[in-house]
Structure formats: C-alpha cells, structure tokens
Amino acid sequence: MDDEGATDEQPEERIEIAPLHPAGSEGSASYPPPGVAHLDEDRLAALAPYGARVGGYVIDYLIVGLLVRAVTSQLGLSIAAQAAITIVVRAIYASLLIAYLDGRTLGMRFLNLRCVGLDRRRHVGLGQSLLRAFSAELIAAGSLLGVVGLLGPVLDLLWPTWDADRQTLHDKIARTVVIR
C-alpha cells in the first residue's frame, strides 16, 4: 500500500457514557441509545470512590487554606477578607491545576484521581475547569449564610453518594466527572 496520503494524526476518540438504568427503564425502547456505549461495571470501576474524592478535597483544602491563612494573617486582614481570598485562591488553584496538570489537583494526584469531561472523558480545558471550580466555591460560600446556607455545601459533598456518575453538584454544572 502507498503511504503518501497517510497522516500521523489519530481520529479523536469520543466515548459517551450512558446512565445506569436497566433495559426498558424510563420508557426507552432501546437501551443504551444508539451511539452511546453502555459500560456498567467498567464505567463504575473507572469512577473515583467517594472516600478518595473527599480525601483529595481535604488535602487540597489544607494545602491552600494553610498557605493563604499564613499569608493573610500576616497582613492583618479581617476573617471575612481572609475567607474571600481563600475562596478565590482555591478556585484559581483548582482551575489551573485541573486545566494544565493532566486534570489533577495535588490532592487528586496524591490519590490517583483525575477530573475529565463527562461528554468526552477527556481533558478538561480552562473554561470548563473555571466553571467547575467557581461553582464549587460559590456553593461552599453558601455556608457563610448560616445554618440554611450549609444545605448547599452539604448537598454538594454528599451528592456523589447517590448519583449514578458519582458527580458533585459542581461536577454536574461543569459536565465533569472524577475518575481513577
């Protein structure tokens, strides 16, 4: 065969993940829908375990929180100013690391987790990463509103325990998923 017309570029692989519902559920005539891979156990095995996600969050929270606290306390800033700066720095930290370091924050890297796009199971770009991080921080900022405000962060943290794709609310907003 003649290789003159061949290129080294590989076609973009796109894997869409079907939700976990038994055949015939939700009124569908055929399951999974045409063109959507049904991965069941393979898909579930690839999703990050809840405990690992929480562990990664705690590691990142401590890294950023302690560094920001050390710097802002030296500046004599109020607690409210320190909280606002921490929210912005955490969002920028997560956005940049996920977008530019293979979909991983330091906590995710330590626990071998990766954030990818739900639709392509591929790299998350800066825009999608910013949406994810600032959504998480806005939900978390609700806790500053008192007991009622705690509902958002608690729901965001617990959502993966009953979600088929183990997504948090901020993952759903940004159309991302965390995998091993």
C-alpha atoms as a PDB file:
ATOM      1  CA  MET A   1       0.000   0.000   0.000  1.00  0.00           C
ATOM      2  CA  ASP A   2       1.094   3.561  -0.675  1.00  0.00           C
ATOM      3  CA  ASP A   3       1.648   5.658   2.485  1.00  0.00           C
ATOM      4  CA  GLU A   4       1.794   9.045   0.736  1.00  0.00           C
ATOM      5  CA  GLY A   5      -1.712  10.124   1.817  1.00  0.00           C
ATOM      6  CA  ALA A   6      -1.388   8.792   5.394  1.00  0.00           C
ATOM      7  CA  THR A   7      -1.030  11.131   8.349  1.00  0.00           C
ATOM      8  CA  ASP A   8       0.139  10.512  11.879  1.00  0.00           C
ATOM      9  CA  GLU A   9      -2.971  12.120  13.364  1.00  0.00           C
ATOM     10  CA  GLN A  10      -5.343   9.785  15.179  1.00  0.00           C
ATOM     11  CA  PRO A  11      -9.077  10.461  14.997  1.00  0.00           C
ATOM     12  CA  GLU A  12     -10.488  11.918  18.213  1.00  0.00           C
ATOM     13  CA  GLU A  13     -11.909   9.138  20.347  1.00  0.00           C
ATOM     14  CA  ARG A  14     -15.213  10.059  21.928  1.00  0.00           C
ATOM     15  CA  ILE A  15     -16.886   7.782  24.417  1.00  0.00           C
ATOM     16  CA  GLU A  16     -20.281   8.796  25.703  1.00  0.00           C
ATOM     17  CA  ILE A  17     -21.383   7.202  28.930  1.00  0.00           C
ATOM     18  CA  ALA A  18     -24.941   6.021  29.307  1.00  0.00           C
ATOM     19  CA  PRO A  19     -26.596   6.376  32.726  1.00  0.00           C
ATOM     20  CA  LEU A  20     -27.020   3.185  34.700  1.00  0.00           C
ATOM     21  CA  HIS A  21     -30.622   2.178  34.109  1.00  0.00           C
ATOM     22  CA  PRO A  22     -31.847  -1.296  33.262  1.00  0.00           C
ATOM     23  CA  ALA A  23     -33.059  -2.021  29.754  1.00  0.00           C
ATOM     24  CA  GLY A  24     -36.522  -0.661  29.111  1.00  0.00           C
ATOM     25  CA  SER A  25     -36.465   1.779  32.022  1.00  0.00           C
ATOM     26  CA  GLU A  26     -37.544   5.395  31.673  1.00  0.00           C
ATOM     27  CA  GLY A  27     -39.770   4.471  28.753  1.00  0.00           C
ATOM     28  CA  SER A  28     -36.915   3.904  26.298  1.00  0.00           C
ATOM     29  CA  ALA A  29     -37.488   1.376  23.540  1.00  0.00           C
ATOM     30  CA  SER A  30     -33.811   0.529  23.191  1.00  0.00           C
ATOM     31  CA  TYR A  31     -31.109   0.765  25.781  1.00  0.00           C
ATOM     32  CA  PRO A  32     -28.498   2.066  25.557  1.00  0.00           C
ATOM     33  CA  PRO A  33     -29.395   4.717  22.989  1.00  0.00           C
ATOM     34  CA  PRO A  34     -27.715   4.283  19.595  1.00  0.00           C
ATOM     35  CA  GLY A  35     -24.143   5.591  19.575  1.00  0.00           C
ATOM     36  CA  VAL A  36     -23.745   5.502  23.350  1.00  0.00           C
ATOM     37  CA  ALA A  37     -21.528   2.908  24.989  1.00  0.00           C
ATOM     38  CA  HIS A  38     -23.046   1.073  27.926  1.00  0.00           C
ATOM     39  CA  LEU A  39     -20.199   0.407  30.305  1.00  0.00           C
ATOM     40  CA  ASP A  40     -21.956  -0.712  33.522  1.00  0.00           C
ATOM     41  CA  GLU A  41     -19.257  -2.251  35.743  1.00  0.00           C
ATOM     42  CA  ASP A  42     -16.383  -0.882  33.634  1.00  0.00           C
ATOM     43  CA  ARG A  43     -17.832   2.605  33.956  1.00  0.00           C
ATOM     44  CA  LEU A  44     -18.429   2.265  37.679  1.00  0.00           C
ATOM     45  CA  ALA A  45     -14.926   0.885  38.207  1.00  0.00           C
ATOM     46  CA  ALA A  46     -13.452   3.933  36.463  1.00  0.00           C
ATOM     47  CA  LEU A  47     -15.345   6.419  38.655  1.00  0.00           C
ATOM     48  CA  ALA A  48     -13.500   7.730  41.703  1.00  0.00           C
ATOM     49  CA  PRO A  49     -14.616   6.234  45.016  1.00  0.00           C
ATOM     50  CA  TYR A  50     -16.399   8.682  47.295  1.00  0.00           C
ATOM     51  CA  GLY A  51     -13.831   8.390  50.084  1.00  0.00           C
ATOM     52  CA  ALA A  52     -10.963   9.156  47.704  1.00  0.00           C
ATOM     53  CA  ARG A  53     -12.791  12.246  46.428  1.00  0.00           C
ATOM     54  CA  VAL A  54     -13.303  13.515  49.959  1.00  0.00           C
ATOM     55  CA  GLY A  55      -9.661  12.739  50.775  1.00  0.00           C
ATOM     56  CA  GLY A  56      -8.445  14.704  47.755  1.00  0.00           C
ATOM     57  CA  TYR A  57     -10.646  17.634  48.724  1.00  0.00           C
ATOM     58  CA  VAL A  58      -9.312  17.622  52.296  1.00  0.00           C
ATOM     59  CA  ILE A  59      -5.695  17.561  51.076  1.00  0.00           C
ATOM     60  CA  ASP A  60      -6.326  20.474  48.695  1.00  0.00           C
ATOM     61  CA  TYR A  61      -8.283  22.381  51.326  1.00  0.00           C
ATOM     62  CA  LEU A  62      -5.417  22.047  53.806  1.00  0.00           C
ATOM     63  CA  ILE A  63      -2.725  22.992  51.276  1.00  0.00           C
ATOM     64  CA  VAL A  64      -4.478  26.128  50.057  1.00  0.00           C
ATOM     65  CA  GLY A  65      -6.150  27.044  53.328  1.00  0.00           C
ATOM     66  CA  LEU A  66      -2.980  26.890  55.397  1.00  0.00           C
ATOM     67  CA  LEU A  67      -0.904  28.796  52.839  1.00  0.00           C
ATOM     68  CA  VAL A  68      -3.491  31.540  52.402  1.00  0.00           C
ATOM     69  CA  ARG A  69      -4.053  31.776  56.148  1.00  0.00           C
ATOM     70  CA  ALA A  70      -0.303  32.102  56.771  1.00  0.00           C
ATOM     71  CA  VAL A  71      -0.011  34.951  54.273  1.00  0.00           C
ATOM     72  CA  THR A  72      -3.257  36.815  55.015  1.00  0.00           C
ATOM     73  CA  SER A  73      -2.857  36.681  58.800  1.00  0.00           C
ATOM     74  CA  GLN A  74       0.469  38.484  58.441  1.00  0.00           C
ATOM     75  CA  LEU A  75      -1.301  41.244  56.539  1.00  0.00           C
ATOM     76  CA  GLY A  76      -3.732  41.903  59.377  1.00  0.00           C
ATOM     77  CA  LEU A  77      -6.807  41.184  57.248  1.00  0.00           C
ATOM     78  CA  SER A  78     -10.197  40.508  58.779  1.00  0.00           C
ATOM     79  CA  ILE A  79     -11.581  36.973  58.890  1.00  0.00           C
ATOM     80  CA  ALA A  80     -14.106  37.909  56.168  1.00  0.00           C
ATOM     81  CA  ALA A  81     -11.333  39.190  53.893  1.00  0.00           C
ATOM     82  CA  GLN A  82      -9.283  36.056  54.560  1.00  0.00           C
ATOM     83  CA  ALA A  83     -12.308  33.875  53.698  1.00  0.00           C
ATOM     84  CA  ALA A  84     -12.914  35.775  50.446  1.00  0.00           C
ATOM     85  CA  ILE A  85      -9.264  35.498  49.428  1.00  0.00           C
ATOM     86  CA  THR A  86      -9.254  31.785  50.293  1.00  0.00           C
ATOM     87  CA  ILE A  87     -12.317  31.172  48.094  1.00  0.00           C
ATOM     88  CA  VAL A  88     -10.729  32.916  45.112  1.00  0.00           C
ATOM     89  CA  VAL A  89      -7.318  31.282  45.585  1.00  0.00           C
ATOM     90  CA  ARG A  90      -8.881  27.793  45.962  1.00  0.00           C
ATOM     91  CA  ALA A  91     -10.868  28.279  42.761  1.00  0.00           C
ATOM     92  CA  ILE A  92      -7.841  29.510  40.818  1.00  0.00           C
ATOM     93  CA  TYR A  93      -5.674  26.702  42.252  1.00  0.00           C
ATOM     94  CA  ALA A  94      -8.159  24.001  41.220  1.00  0.00           C
ATOM     95  CA  SER A  95      -8.863  25.585  37.831  1.00  0.00           C
ATOM     96  CA  LEU A  96      -5.249  25.944  36.770  1.00  0.00           C
ATOM     97  CA  LEU A  97      -4.101  22.552  38.039  1.00  0.00           C
ATOM     98  CA  ILE A  98      -7.025  20.672  36.507  1.00  0.00           C
ATOM     99  CA  ALA A  99      -6.721  22.520  33.197  1.00  0.00           C
ATOM    100  CA  TYR A 100      -2.935  22.354  32.887  1.00  0.00           C
ATOM    101  CA  LEU A 101      -1.719  19.424  35.011  1.00  0.00           C
ATOM    102  CA  ASP A 102      -3.496  16.441  33.497  1.00  0.00           C
ATOM    103  CA  GLY A 103      -6.832  17.058  35.224  1.00  0.00           C
ATOM    104  CA  ARG A 104      -5.449  16.805  38.744  1.00  0.00           C
ATOM    105  CA  THR A 105      -5.032  18.981  41.785  1.00  0.00           C
ATOM    106  CA  LEU A 106      -2.299  17.989  44.239  1.00  0.00           C
ATOM    107  CA  GLY A 107      -4.824  16.131  46.385  1.00  0.00           C
ATOM    108  CA  MET A 108      -6.191  14.306  43.343  1.00  0.00           C
ATOM    109  CA  ARG A 109      -2.669  13.469  42.184  1.00  0.00           C
ATOM    110  CA  PHE A 110      -1.796  12.029  45.614  1.00  0.00           C
ATOM    111  CA  LEU A 111      -4.889   9.771  45.464  1.00  0.00           C
ATOM    112  CA  ASN A 112      -4.541   8.970  41.728  1.00  0.00           C
ATOM    113  CA  LEU A 113      -7.754  10.732  40.682  1.00  0.00           C
ATOM    114  CA  ARG A 114      -8.419  12.777  37.558  1.00  0.00           C
ATOM    115  CA  CYS A 115     -11.152  15.187  36.510  1.00  0.00           C
ATOM    116  CA  VAL A 116     -12.353  14.708  32.926  1.00  0.00           C
ATOM    117  CA  GLY A 117     -15.200  15.981  30.794  1.00  0.00           C
ATOM    118  CA  LEU A 118     -18.357  13.901  31.090  1.00  0.00           C
ATOM    119  CA  ASP A 119     -19.155  14.062  27.384  1.00  0.00           C
ATOM    120  CA  ARG A 120     -15.744  13.043  26.092  1.00  0.00           C
ATOM    121  CA  ARG A 121     -13.975  11.500  29.093  1.00  0.00           C
ATOM    122  CA  ARG A 122     -11.076  13.704  28.026  1.00  0.00           C
ATOM    123  CA  HIS A 123      -9.037  16.615  29.272  1.00  0.00           C
ATOM    124  CA  VAL A 124     -10.907  19.498  30.910  1.00  0.00           C
ATOM    125  CA  GLY A 125      -9.982  22.868  29.427  1.00  0.00           C
ATOM    126  CA  LEU A 126      -9.541  26.106  31.331  1.00  0.00           C
ATOM    127  CA  GLY A 127     -13.087  27.394  30.752  1.00  0.00           C
ATOM    128  CA  GLN A 128     -14.723  24.186  31.938  1.00  0.00           C
ATOM    129  CA  SER A 129     -12.268  23.984  34.839  1.00  0.00           C
ATOM    130  CA  LEU A 130     -13.035  27.577  35.894  1.00  0.00           C
ATOM    131  CA  LEU A 131     -16.775  26.856  35.761  1.00  0.00           C
ATOM    132  CA  ARG A 132     -16.287  23.738  37.911  1.00  0.00           C
ATOM    133  CA  ALA A 133     -14.059  25.415  40.494  1.00  0.00           C
ATOM    134  CA  PHE A 134     -16.035  28.632  40.876  1.00  0.00           C
ATOM    135  CA  SER A 135     -19.308  26.649  41.060  1.00  0.00           C
ATOM    136  CA  ALA A 136     -17.825  24.620  43.910  1.00  0.00           C
ATOM    137  CA  GLU A 137     -16.654  27.758  45.688  1.00  0.00           C
ATOM    138  CA  LEU A 138     -19.985  29.560  45.262  1.00  0.00           C
ATOM    139  CA  ILE A 139     -21.799  26.535  46.668  1.00  0.00           C
ATOM    140  CA  ALA A 140     -19.301  26.411  49.560  1.00  0.00           C
ATOM    141  CA  ALA A 141     -19.685  30.151  50.175  1.00  0.00           C
ATOM    142  CA  GLY A 142     -23.326  29.472  50.977  1.00  0.00           C
ATOM    143  CA  SER A 143     -22.131  28.152  54.323  1.00  0.00           C
ATOM    144  CA  LEU A 144     -21.309  31.746  55.255  1.00  0.00           C
ATOM    145  CA  LEU A 145     -25.059  32.413  55.317  1.00  0.00           C
ATOM    146  CA  GLY A 146     -25.607  30.342  58.446  1.00  0.00           C
ATOM    147  CA  VAL A 147     -27.415  27.075  59.050  1.00  0.00           C
ATOM    148  CA  VAL A 148     -29.667  27.338  55.975  1.00  0.00           C
ATOM    149  CA  GLY A 149     -26.624  28.170  53.862  1.00  0.00           C
ATOM    150  CA  LEU A 150     -24.981  24.907  54.931  1.00  0.00           C
ATOM    151  CA  LEU A 151     -27.519  22.991  52.849  1.00  0.00           C
ATOM    152  CA  GLY A 152     -25.686  23.752  49.566  1.00  0.00           C
ATOM    153  CA  PRO A 153     -22.209  22.610  50.633  1.00  0.00           C
ATOM    154  CA  VAL A 154     -23.609  19.547  52.416  1.00  0.00           C
ATOM    155  CA  LEU A 155     -25.627  18.550  49.348  1.00  0.00           C
ATOM    156  CA  ASP A 156     -22.622  19.156  47.086  1.00  0.00           C
ATOM    157  CA  LEU A 157     -20.420  16.982  49.301  1.00  0.00           C
ATOM    158  CA  LEU A 158     -22.965  14.160  49.651  1.00  0.00           C
ATOM    159  CA  TRP A 159     -24.377  14.160  46.100  1.00  0.00           C
ATOM    160  CA  PRO A 160     -21.890  11.557  44.766  1.00  0.00           C
ATOM    161  CA  THR A 161     -23.153   9.003  47.300  1.00  0.00           C
ATOM    162  CA  TRP A 162     -26.430   8.580  45.381  1.00  0.00           C
ATOM    163  CA  ASP A 163     -25.538   9.865  41.915  1.00  0.00           C
ATOM    164  CA  ALA A 164     -25.038   7.216  39.178  1.00  0.00           C
ATOM    165  CA  ASP A 165     -21.982   9.101  37.854  1.00  0.00           C
ATOM    166  CA  ARG A 166     -20.717   9.937  41.370  1.00  0.00           C
ATOM    167  CA  GLN A 167     -20.814  13.614  40.457  1.00  0.00           C
ATOM    168  CA  THR A 168     -20.991  16.523  42.876  1.00  0.00           C
ATOM    169  CA  LEU A 169     -23.308  19.407  42.053  1.00  0.00           C
ATOM    170  CA  HIS A 170     -20.347  21.409  40.748  1.00  0.00           C
ATOM    171  CA  ASP A 171     -19.406  18.447  38.505  1.00  0.00           C
ATOM    172  CA  LYS A 172     -22.941  18.461  37.115  1.00  0.00           C
ATOM    173  CA  ILE A 173     -22.783  22.210  36.449  1.00  0.00           C
ATOM    174  CA  ALA A 174     -19.458  21.870  34.591  1.00  0.00           C
ATOM    175  CA  ARG A 175     -20.274  18.473  32.989  1.00  0.00           C
ATOM    176  CA  THR A 176     -17.242  16.788  34.542  1.00  0.00           C
ATOM    177  CA  VAL A 177     -16.634  13.521  36.334  1.00  0.00           C
ATOM    178  CA  VAL A 178     -13.779  12.355  38.556  1.00  0.00           C
ATOM    179  CA  ILE A 179     -12.163   9.038  37.668  1.00  0.00           C
ATOM    180  CA  ARG A 180      -9.338   6.874  38.946  1.00  0.00           C
END
